[in-house]
Amino acid sequence: MSVEAKVLDKLSAMAFPSPSLLNLDHEGGWIVLSKIDGEPLHDQLKSESPDIGSLRSLGQIIRRLHSIGISHGDLTTHNVLYSQDGSLHLIDFGLSRQTPELEHLGLDLQILNECLTATHSKLEGAMGMVIESYIGADKTYKGIPKSSDVIERFHKIASRVRYHG
């Protein structure tokens, strides 16, 4: 809970599209976050008229998160809120890491890939759209791996999963 609170504070300071931390009680074990209106991206992509462009926005947001030095840890379409105006917000940072290793950044993409493959299999090329926009949103900061390195690690992780799966 304390890691999630620190991550949310950092994201809030960077005006990142995520909930803001409003209150925290370590002893009581509770946290209060700002409300974000919207539906899970999962539901939107399963609708009769899915907003495929949201996958490009998702790639950009993930790269921005990684550029800040944070990995999400549970990056599924259930942990992305889709607002009526088409904007996206990431939620549920309970498994996130600050200053993640390259492996953690690649794992974020692999978890999303597994989600898109299993749950949104009718959306052809979905992960390709995410990756394309992830690379297009590249920003390099000291100590943060380049997008090409993260994508390379993602492919290595995906090949390991396929080999063992």
Protein backbone atom coordinates (compact mmCIF):
# COMPACT_ATOMS: atom_id res chain seq x y z
CA MET A 1 0.00 0.00 0.00
CA SER A 2 2.85 2.39 0.77
CA VAL A 3 4.44 1.72 -2.64
CA GLU A 4 1.13 2.40 -4.35
CA ALA A 5 0.75 5.66 -2.40
CA LYS A 6 4.27 6.81 -3.36
CA VAL A 7 3.67 5.92 -7.00
CA LEU A 8 0.35 7.78 -7.07
CA ASP A 9 1.96 10.85 -5.50
CA LYS A 10 4.68 10.80 -8.14
CA LEU A 11 2.18 10.33 -10.96
CA SER A 12 -0.02 13.12 -9.64
CA ALA A 13 2.97 15.48 -9.56
CA MET A 14 3.61 14.61 -13.22
CA ALA A 15 -0.06 15.16 -14.21
CA PHE A 16 -0.26 11.53 -15.30
CA PRO A 17 -3.76 10.18 -16.07
CA SER A 18 -4.32 8.15 -12.91
CA PRO A 19 -6.23 8.55 -9.64
CA SER A 20 -4.92 11.05 -7.11
CA LEU A 21 -4.15 9.97 -3.57
CA LEU A 22 -6.57 11.78 -1.23
CA ASN A 23 -5.95 10.04 2.09
CA LEU A 24 -3.98 7.14 3.51
CA ASP A 25 -3.99 5.29 6.82
CA HIS A 26 -1.15 2.79 7.09
CA GLU A 27 -2.28 1.47 10.46
CA GLY A 28 -5.91 1.09 9.40
CA GLY A 29 -4.86 -0.33 6.04
CA TRP A 30 -6.95 1.94 3.84
CA ILE A 31 -6.43 4.38 1.02
CA VAL A 32 -8.78 6.94 -0.54
CA LEU A 33 -8.36 7.86 -4.20
CA SER A 34 -10.05 10.36 -6.48
CA LYS A 35 -12.91 9.05 -8.60
CA ILE A 36 -12.39 8.74 -12.33
CA ASP A 37 -15.49 8.50 -14.49
CA GLY A 38 -15.37 5.88 -17.19
CA GLU A 39 -15.64 2.20 -17.92
CA PRO A 40 -12.89 -0.40 -18.03
CA LEU A 41 -11.19 -0.44 -21.42
CA HIS A 42 -11.98 -4.16 -21.38
CA ASP A 43 -15.70 -3.38 -21.63
CA GLN A 44 -15.24 -0.70 -24.26
CA LEU A 45 -13.17 -3.01 -26.48
CA LYS A 46 -15.82 -5.73 -26.10
CA SER A 47 -18.63 -3.34 -27.13
CA GLU A 48 -20.34 -3.38 -30.53
CA SER A 49 -18.29 -0.38 -31.65
CA PRO A 50 -14.87 -0.63 -29.99
CA ASP A 51 -12.60 2.41 -30.14
CA ILE A 52 -9.55 0.78 -31.73
CA GLY A 53 -7.70 4.11 -31.59
CA SER A 54 -7.66 3.76 -27.82
CA LEU A 55 -4.97 1.08 -28.27
CA ARG A 56 -2.66 3.70 -29.78
CA SER A 57 -3.37 6.02 -26.85
CA LEU A 58 -2.64 3.13 -24.50
CA GLY A 59 0.80 2.59 -26.03
CA GLN A 60 1.61 6.27 -25.54
CA ILE A 61 0.46 6.25 -21.92
CA ILE A 62 2.43 3.11 -21.13
CA ARG A 63 5.59 4.66 -22.59
CA ARG A 64 4.99 7.81 -20.58
CA LEU A 65 4.59 5.70 -17.41
CA HIS A 66 7.82 3.86 -18.17
CA SER A 67 9.60 7.14 -18.95
CA ILE A 68 8.67 8.37 -15.48
CA GLY A 69 10.43 5.29 -14.12
CA ILE A 70 7.42 3.23 -13.09
CA SER A 71 6.21 -0.20 -14.16
CA HIS A 72 2.54 -0.98 -13.57
CA GLY A 73 2.81 -4.67 -12.69
CA ASP A 74 -0.74 -5.66 -13.70
CA LEU A 75 -1.35 -3.96 -17.01
CA THR A 76 -4.62 -5.42 -18.28
CA THR A 77 -7.56 -3.78 -20.00
CA HIS A 78 -9.41 -4.03 -16.67
CA ASN A 79 -6.87 -1.61 -15.15
CA VAL A 80 -7.39 1.06 -17.80
CA LEU A 81 -10.43 3.32 -17.59
CA TYR A 82 -11.95 4.65 -20.81
CA SER A 83 -13.78 7.98 -20.42
CA GLN A 84 -16.63 9.19 -22.63
CA ASP A 85 -14.27 11.67 -24.30
CA GLY A 86 -11.98 8.77 -25.27
CA SER A 87 -9.26 9.56 -22.76
CA LEU A 88 -7.57 6.77 -20.82
CA HIS A 89 -6.51 6.54 -17.18
CA LEU A 90 -4.44 3.80 -15.58
CA ILE A 91 -5.65 2.45 -12.24
CA ASP A 92 -4.62 -0.13 -9.63
CA PHE A 93 -0.94 0.47 -8.96
CA GLY A 94 -0.78 -2.10 -6.15
CA LEU A 95 1.87 -4.17 -7.98
CA SER A 96 3.78 -1.22 -9.43
CA ARG A 97 7.49 -0.60 -9.05
CA GLN A 98 9.52 2.57 -9.01
CA THR A 99 12.82 2.47 -10.89
CA PRO A 100 11.97 -0.85 -12.50
CA GLU A 101 14.44 -3.03 -14.32
CA LEU A 102 14.14 -3.60 -18.06
CA GLU A 103 12.50 -6.96 -17.32
CA HIS A 104 9.63 -5.27 -15.44
CA LEU A 105 8.97 -2.88 -18.31
CA GLY A 106 8.93 -5.78 -20.76
CA LEU A 107 6.64 -7.73 -18.44
CA ASP A 108 4.13 -4.87 -18.47
CA LEU A 109 3.87 -5.30 -22.24
CA GLN A 110 3.75 -9.09 -21.99
CA ILE A 111 0.90 -9.01 -19.47
CA LEU A 112 -1.02 -6.64 -21.76
CA ASN A 113 -0.23 -8.88 -24.74
CA GLU A 114 -1.64 -11.92 -22.92
CA CYS A 115 -4.76 -9.95 -22.02
CA LEU A 116 -5.31 -8.73 -25.57
CA THR A 117 -4.68 -12.19 -27.03
CA ALA A 118 -6.96 -14.02 -24.62
CA THR A 119 -9.74 -11.51 -24.06
CA HIS A 120 -9.74 -9.36 -27.18
CA SER A 121 -8.67 -11.88 -29.82
CA LYS A 122 -11.09 -10.44 -32.39
CA LEU A 123 -9.11 -7.19 -32.47
CA GLU A 124 -6.50 -8.11 -35.05
CA GLY A 125 -3.17 -6.38 -34.64
CA ALA A 126 -4.11 -4.90 -31.27
CA MET A 127 -0.71 -5.41 -29.65
CA GLY A 128 1.00 -4.16 -32.80
CA MET A 129 -0.88 -0.87 -32.46
CA VAL A 130 0.16 -0.58 -28.82
CA ILE A 131 3.82 -1.26 -29.67
CA GLU A 132 3.84 1.12 -32.62
CA SER A 133 2.56 4.00 -30.50
CA TYR A 134 4.81 2.99 -27.58
CA ILE A 135 7.83 3.42 -29.83
CA GLY A 136 6.41 6.62 -31.34
CA ALA A 137 6.04 8.14 -27.86
CA ASP A 138 9.69 7.49 -26.98
CA LYS A 139 11.23 9.82 -24.47
CA THR A 140 14.61 9.10 -22.99
CA TYR A 141 15.43 10.03 -19.44
CA LYS A 142 18.52 9.26 -17.46
CA GLY A 143 18.39 5.65 -16.31
CA ILE A 144 15.26 4.77 -18.31
CA PRO A 145 15.68 2.18 -21.08
CA LYS A 146 14.91 3.22 -24.65
CA SER A 147 11.61 2.00 -26.07
CA SER A 148 13.45 -0.24 -28.54
CA ASP A 149 15.19 -1.99 -25.63
CA VAL A 150 11.87 -2.51 -23.83
CA ILE A 151 10.26 -3.91 -26.99
CA GLU A 152 13.22 -6.25 -27.50
CA ARG A 153 12.87 -7.49 -23.92
CA PHE A 154 9.11 -7.92 -24.40
CA HIS A 155 9.78 -10.15 -27.43
CA LYS A 156 12.28 -12.21 -25.42
CA ILE A 157 9.77 -12.64 -22.61
CA ALA A 158 7.02 -13.58 -25.08
CA SER A 159 9.25 -16.22 -26.66
CA ARG A 160 10.05 -17.70 -23.22
CA VAL A 161 6.35 -17.85 -22.37
CA ARG A 162 5.52 -19.56 -25.67
CA TYR A 163 8.35 -22.05 -25.18
CA HIS A 164 7.16 -23.01 -21.70
CA GLY A 165 3.46 -22.59 -22.36
